[in-house]
C-alpha atoms as a PDB file:
ATOM      1  CA  MET A   1     184.755  51.024  79.686  1.00  0.00           C
ATOM      2  CA  ILE A   2     184.164  54.778  79.926  1.00  0.00           C
ATOM      3  CA  GLU A   3     186.725  55.360  77.175  1.00  0.00           C
ATOM      4  CA  TRP A   4     184.872  52.933  74.944  1.00  0.00           C
ATOM      5  CA  LEU A   5     181.512  54.614  75.637  1.00  0.00           C
ATOM      6  CA  SER A   6     182.892  58.090  74.980  1.00  0.00           C
ATOM      7  CA  MET A   7     184.419  56.902  71.685  1.00  0.00           C
ATOM      8  CA  GLY A   8     187.067  59.569  71.526  1.00  0.00           C
ATOM      9  CA  GLY A   9     184.705  62.426  72.362  1.00  0.00           C
ATOM     10  CA  HIS A  10     182.169  61.461  69.720  1.00  0.00           C
ATOM     11  CA  GLY A  11     180.146  59.115  71.935  1.00  0.00           C
ATOM     12  CA  PHE A  12     177.129  61.384  72.250  1.00  0.00           C
ATOM     13  CA  TYR A  13     176.660  61.594  68.474  1.00  0.00           C
ATOM     14  CA  ILE A  14     177.302  57.903  67.946  1.00  0.00           C
ATOM     15  CA  TRP A  15     174.922  56.750  70.702  1.00  0.00           C
ATOM     16  CA  ALA A  16     172.302  59.292  69.623  1.00  0.00           C
ATOM     17  CA  SER A  17     172.543  57.855  66.102  1.00  0.00           C
ATOM     18  CA  TYR A  18     172.040  54.334  67.440  1.00  0.00           C
ATOM     19  CA  GLY A  19     169.057  55.584  69.444  1.00  0.00           C
ATOM     20  CA  MET A  20     167.479  57.225  66.413  1.00  0.00           C
ATOM     21  CA  LEU A  21     168.046  54.077  64.377  1.00  0.00           C
ATOM     22  CA  PHE A  22     166.375  51.973  67.067  1.00  0.00           C
ATOM     23  CA  LEU A  23     163.449  54.417  67.179  1.00  0.00           C
ATOM     24  CA  ALA A  24     163.044  54.347  63.393  1.00  0.00           C
ATOM     25  CA  ILE A  25     163.082  50.544  63.326  1.00  0.00           C
ATOM     26  CA  ALA A  26     160.532  50.374  66.163  1.00  0.00           C
ATOM     27  CA  ILE A  27     158.223  52.814  64.359  1.00  0.00           C
ATOM     28  CA  GLU A  28     158.564  50.844  61.134  1.00  0.00           C
ATOM     29  CA  LEU A  29     157.769  47.547  62.881  1.00  0.00           C
ATOM     30  CA  PHE A  30     154.719  49.092  64.544  1.00  0.00           C
ATOM     31  CA  GLY A  31     153.527  50.444  61.190  1.00  0.00           C
ATOM     32  CA  LEU A  32     154.048  47.086  59.508  1.00  0.00           C
ATOM     33  CA  ARG A  33     152.020  45.374  62.219  1.00  0.00           C
ATOM     34  CA  GLN A  34     149.180  47.855  61.773  1.00  0.00           C
ATOM     35  CA  ARG A  35     149.186  47.497  57.976  1.00  0.00           C
ATOM     36  CA  ARG A  36     149.185  43.699  58.295  1.00  0.00           C
ATOM     37  CA  ARG A  37     146.198  43.808  60.639  1.00  0.00           C
ATOM     38  CA  ASN A  38     144.336  46.127  58.266  1.00  0.00           C
ATOM     39  CA  ALA A  39     145.102  43.885  55.291  1.00  0.00           C
ATOM     40  CA  LEU A  40     143.927  40.763  57.126  1.00  0.00           C
ATOM     41  CA  THR A  41     140.743  42.551  58.181  1.00  0.00           C
ATOM     42  CA  MET A  42     140.094  43.615  54.579  1.00  0.00           C
ATOM     43  CA  ILE A  43     140.692  40.078  53.333  1.00  0.00           C
ATOM     44  CA  ALA A  44     138.300  38.698  55.944  1.00  0.00           C
ATOM     45  CA  GLN A  45     135.624  41.231  54.945  1.00  0.00           C
ATOM     46  CA  VAL A  46     136.016  40.501  51.247  1.00  0.00           C
ATOM     47  CA  THR A  47     135.859  36.734  51.722  1.00  0.00           C
ATOM     48  CA  GLU A  48     132.845  37.124  54.016  1.00  0.00           C
ATOM     49  CA  GLU A  49     131.062  39.262  51.422  1.00  0.00           C
ATOM     50  CA  ALA A  50     131.962  36.784  48.687  1.00  0.00           C
ATOM     51  CA  SER A  51     130.590  33.865  50.689  1.00  0.00           C
ATOM     52  CA  TRP A  52     127.202  35.595  51.011  1.00  0.00           C
ATOM     53  CA  GLN A  53     126.792  35.901  47.245  1.00  0.00           C
END
């Protein structure tokens, strides 16, 4: 198991790359969620304003 984790001496770089990838995906998902919320809020405001006219 340790041999597999060390990956021939390159384990640190490989696992750090996986960690950075995971971090980038998490940041992207968080940003997408925020943008979706903002878009839904805008749509709700526009439809509310349109219903008053």
